[in-house]
N, C-alpha and C. Protein backbone atom coordinates (compact mmCIF):
# COMPACT_ATOMS: atom_id res chain seq x y z
N UNK A 1 0.83 -1.19 0.00
CA UNK A 1 0.00 0.00 0.00
C UNK A 1 0.88 1.26 0.00
N UNK A 2 1.96 1.19 0.74
CA UNK A 2 2.88 2.33 0.80
C UNK A 2 3.42 2.66 -0.60
N UNK A 3 3.70 1.61 -1.36
CA UNK A 3 4.21 1.80 -2.71
C UNK A 3 3.17 2.49 -3.60
N UNK A 4 1.90 2.17 -3.39
CA UNK A 4 0.82 2.80 -4.14
C UNK A 4 0.78 4.30 -3.87
N UNK A 5 0.89 4.68 -2.60
CA UNK A 5 0.87 6.10 -2.24
C UNK A 5 2.09 6.80 -2.82
N UNK A 6 3.26 6.17 -2.72
CA UNK A 6 4.48 6.76 -3.29
C UNK A 6 4.35 6.97 -4.79
N UNK A 7 3.81 5.99 -5.48
CA UNK A 7 3.64 6.09 -6.93
C UNK A 7 2.73 7.26 -7.29
N UNK A 8 1.62 7.40 -6.58
CA UNK A 8 0.69 8.50 -6.86
C UNK A 8 1.36 9.86 -6.61
N UNK A 9 2.04 9.98 -5.47
CA UNK A 9 2.64 11.26 -5.10
C UNK A 9 3.77 11.62 -6.05
N UNK A 10 4.65 10.68 -6.32
CA UNK A 10 5.81 10.97 -7.18
C UNK A 10 5.41 11.28 -8.61
N UNK A 11 4.26 10.78 -9.05
CA UNK A 11 3.82 11.10 -10.41
C UNK A 11 3.20 12.49 -10.49
N UNK A 12 2.84 13.06 -9.36
CA UNK A 12 2.21 14.39 -9.35
C UNK A 12 3.21 15.54 -9.24
N UNK A 13 4.34 15.31 -8.60
CA UNK A 13 5.24 16.41 -8.24
C UNK A 13 6.34 16.61 -9.27
N UNK A 14 6.97 17.80 -9.19
CA UNK A 14 8.10 18.12 -10.06
C UNK A 14 9.42 17.58 -9.50
N UNK A 15 9.49 17.43 -8.18
CA UNK A 15 10.70 16.93 -7.52
C UNK A 15 10.39 15.60 -6.82
N UNK A 16 10.33 14.50 -7.58
CA UNK A 16 9.96 13.22 -6.96
C UNK A 16 10.97 12.72 -5.94
N UNK A 17 12.23 13.14 -6.06
CA UNK A 17 13.23 12.68 -5.09
C UNK A 17 13.02 13.30 -3.71
N UNK A 18 12.27 14.39 -3.62
CA UNK A 18 11.99 15.03 -2.34
C UNK A 18 10.72 14.48 -1.67
N UNK A 19 9.97 13.67 -2.38
CA UNK A 19 8.72 13.13 -1.84
C UNK A 19 9.02 11.96 -0.91
N UNK A 20 8.39 11.98 0.26
CA UNK A 20 8.57 10.93 1.25
C UNK A 20 7.20 10.46 1.75
N UNK A 21 7.07 9.17 1.94
CA UNK A 21 5.84 8.59 2.50
C UNK A 21 6.23 7.77 3.72
N UNK A 22 5.64 8.11 4.85
CA UNK A 22 5.91 7.41 6.10
C UNK A 22 4.65 6.68 6.53
N UNK A 23 4.78 5.42 6.87
CA UNK A 23 3.64 4.60 7.28
C UNK A 23 3.60 4.52 8.81
N UNK A 24 2.49 4.96 9.39
CA UNK A 24 2.30 4.90 10.83
C UNK A 24 1.12 3.99 11.11
N UNK A 25 1.40 2.85 11.74
CA UNK A 25 0.35 1.87 11.99
C UNK A 25 -0.16 1.99 13.42
N UNK A 26 -1.46 2.10 13.54
CA UNK A 26 -2.11 2.11 14.84
C UNK A 26 -2.82 0.79 15.05
N UNK A 27 -3.69 0.73 16.06
CA UNK A 27 -4.43 -0.51 16.33
C UNK A 27 -5.42 -0.84 15.22
N UNK A 28 -6.16 0.18 14.78
CA UNK A 28 -7.21 -0.10 13.81
C UNK A 28 -7.06 0.67 12.50
N UNK A 29 -6.04 1.52 12.40
CA UNK A 29 -5.90 2.34 11.20
C UNK A 29 -4.41 2.51 10.86
N UNK A 30 -4.15 2.62 9.58
CA UNK A 30 -2.80 2.90 9.09
C UNK A 30 -2.85 4.29 8.45
N UNK A 31 -1.94 5.16 8.87
CA UNK A 31 -1.87 6.52 8.34
C UNK A 31 -0.60 6.63 7.49
N UNK A 32 -0.79 7.10 6.27
CA UNK A 32 0.34 7.34 5.39
C UNK A 32 0.60 8.84 5.37
N UNK A 33 1.73 9.24 5.94
CA UNK A 33 2.09 10.66 6.03
C UNK A 33 2.94 11.01 4.81
N UNK A 34 2.48 11.97 4.04
CA UNK A 34 3.14 12.37 2.80
C UNK A 34 3.80 13.73 3.02
N UNK A 35 5.08 13.82 2.69
CA UNK A 35 5.76 15.11 2.71
C UNK A 35 6.45 15.30 1.36
N UNK A 36 6.31 16.50 0.84
CA UNK A 36 6.88 16.84 -0.47
C UNK A 36 7.60 18.18 -0.35
N UNK A 37 8.28 18.57 -1.41
CA UNK A 37 8.92 19.87 -1.45
C UNK A 37 7.86 20.96 -1.33
N UNK A 38 8.22 22.08 -0.77
CA UNK A 38 7.27 23.17 -0.53
C UNK A 38 6.59 23.64 -1.82
N UNK A 39 7.33 23.66 -2.91
CA UNK A 39 6.76 24.10 -4.19
C UNK A 39 5.74 23.11 -4.75
N UNK A 40 5.82 21.85 -4.34
CA UNK A 40 4.93 20.82 -4.86
C UNK A 40 3.71 20.57 -3.98
N UNK A 41 3.62 21.25 -2.87
CA UNK A 41 2.53 21.01 -1.93
C UNK A 41 1.16 21.23 -2.57
N UNK A 42 1.02 22.29 -3.34
CA UNK A 42 -0.24 22.58 -4.00
C UNK A 42 -0.63 21.54 -5.03
N UNK A 43 0.35 20.91 -5.66
CA UNK A 43 0.07 19.89 -6.67
C UNK A 43 -0.47 18.62 -6.02
N UNK A 44 -0.03 18.33 -4.81
CA UNK A 44 -0.49 17.13 -4.12
C UNK A 44 -1.87 17.36 -3.49
N UNK A 45 -2.12 18.57 -3.01
CA UNK A 45 -3.41 18.86 -2.39
C UNK A 45 -4.47 19.09 -3.47
N UNK A 46 -4.14 19.85 -4.48
CA UNK A 46 -5.08 20.11 -5.55
C UNK A 46 -6.03 21.24 -5.21
N UNK A 47 -6.74 21.68 -6.21
CA UNK A 47 -7.68 22.79 -6.05
C UNK A 47 -8.85 22.34 -5.17
N UNK A 48 -9.00 22.99 -4.04
CA UNK A 48 -10.07 22.63 -3.12
C UNK A 48 -9.85 21.28 -2.44
N UNK A 49 -8.63 20.74 -2.52
CA UNK A 49 -8.33 19.46 -1.89
C UNK A 49 -8.81 18.26 -2.68
N UNK A 50 -9.12 18.45 -3.95
CA UNK A 50 -9.67 17.36 -4.75
C UNK A 50 -8.68 16.20 -4.95
N UNK A 51 -7.42 16.52 -5.22
CA UNK A 51 -6.44 15.46 -5.45
C UNK A 51 -6.18 14.70 -4.15
N UNK A 52 -6.07 15.42 -3.03
CA UNK A 52 -5.85 14.77 -1.75
C UNK A 52 -7.02 13.86 -1.41
N UNK A 53 -8.24 14.32 -1.63
CA UNK A 53 -9.41 13.49 -1.36
C UNK A 53 -9.46 12.27 -2.28
N UNK A 54 -9.06 12.44 -3.53
CA UNK A 54 -9.03 11.31 -4.45
C UNK A 54 -8.01 10.26 -4.00
N UNK A 55 -6.84 10.71 -3.54
CA UNK A 55 -5.84 9.77 -3.02
C UNK A 55 -6.38 9.02 -1.81
N UNK A 56 -7.05 9.74 -0.92
CA UNK A 56 -7.63 9.08 0.27
C UNK A 56 -8.66 8.03 -0.13
N UNK A 57 -9.47 8.35 -1.12
CA UNK A 57 -10.49 7.40 -1.59
C UNK A 57 -9.85 6.14 -2.16
N UNK A 58 -8.80 6.30 -2.96
CA UNK A 58 -8.10 5.16 -3.55
C UNK A 58 -7.48 4.29 -2.47
N UNK A 59 -6.85 4.93 -1.48
CA UNK A 59 -6.20 4.18 -0.40
C UNK A 59 -7.23 3.45 0.45
N UNK A 60 -8.35 4.10 0.74
CA UNK A 60 -9.41 3.44 1.52
C UNK A 60 -9.96 2.24 0.77
N UNK A 61 -10.14 2.38 -0.53
CA UNK A 61 -10.65 1.26 -1.34
C UNK A 61 -9.64 0.11 -1.38
N UNK A 62 -8.37 0.42 -1.51
CA UNK A 62 -7.34 -0.62 -1.54
C UNK A 62 -7.18 -1.28 -0.17
N UNK A 63 -7.47 -0.55 0.89
CA UNK A 63 -7.32 -1.08 2.24
C UNK A 63 -8.40 -2.09 2.59
N UNK A 64 -9.49 -2.10 1.86
CA UNK A 64 -10.55 -3.07 2.15
C UNK A 64 -10.07 -4.51 1.95
N UNK A 65 -9.08 -4.70 1.10
CA UNK A 65 -8.52 -6.04 0.90
C UNK A 65 -7.77 -6.52 2.13
N UNK A 66 -7.17 -5.59 2.88
CA UNK A 66 -6.41 -5.96 4.07
C UNK A 66 -7.27 -5.94 5.33
N UNK A 67 -8.53 -5.55 5.20
CA UNK A 67 -9.47 -5.47 6.31
C UNK A 67 -9.01 -4.53 7.42
N UNK A 68 -8.26 -3.51 7.05
CA UNK A 68 -7.84 -2.45 7.98
C UNK A 68 -8.19 -1.12 7.35
N UNK A 69 -8.42 -0.13 8.18
CA UNK A 69 -8.69 1.21 7.67
C UNK A 69 -7.36 1.89 7.37
N UNK A 70 -7.39 2.77 6.38
CA UNK A 70 -6.18 3.50 6.00
C UNK A 70 -6.57 4.89 5.52
N UNK A 71 -5.68 5.84 5.73
CA UNK A 71 -5.90 7.19 5.27
C UNK A 71 -4.57 7.83 4.91
N UNK A 72 -4.65 8.96 4.23
CA UNK A 72 -3.47 9.72 3.80
C UNK A 72 -3.51 11.10 4.45
N UNK A 73 -2.42 11.48 5.06
CA UNK A 73 -2.27 12.82 5.64
C UNK A 73 -1.12 13.51 4.92
N UNK A 74 -1.33 14.75 4.55
CA UNK A 74 -0.31 15.52 3.86
C UNK A 74 0.32 16.49 4.83
N UNK A 75 1.61 16.36 5.05
CA UNK A 75 2.34 17.20 5.99
C UNK A 75 2.96 18.37 5.24
N UNK A 76 2.96 19.53 5.86
CA UNK A 76 3.56 20.69 5.21
C UNK A 76 4.98 20.88 5.65
């Protein structure tokens, strides 16, 4: 799942080498923390948060196979 988030983020940004995805596992949920270069932050969030919400939807759908909840958080 982490690789899926990395692939989505790195395909959106201009500086893919600066993109980092950290997986934080809790008891019932896995949080994928995304950090990118400051100039690429808007590209990952999108207008009105549409791209960020789309990434969250994809990750939640993919997480149903593992029977755990998952979400994406974008760090500034």
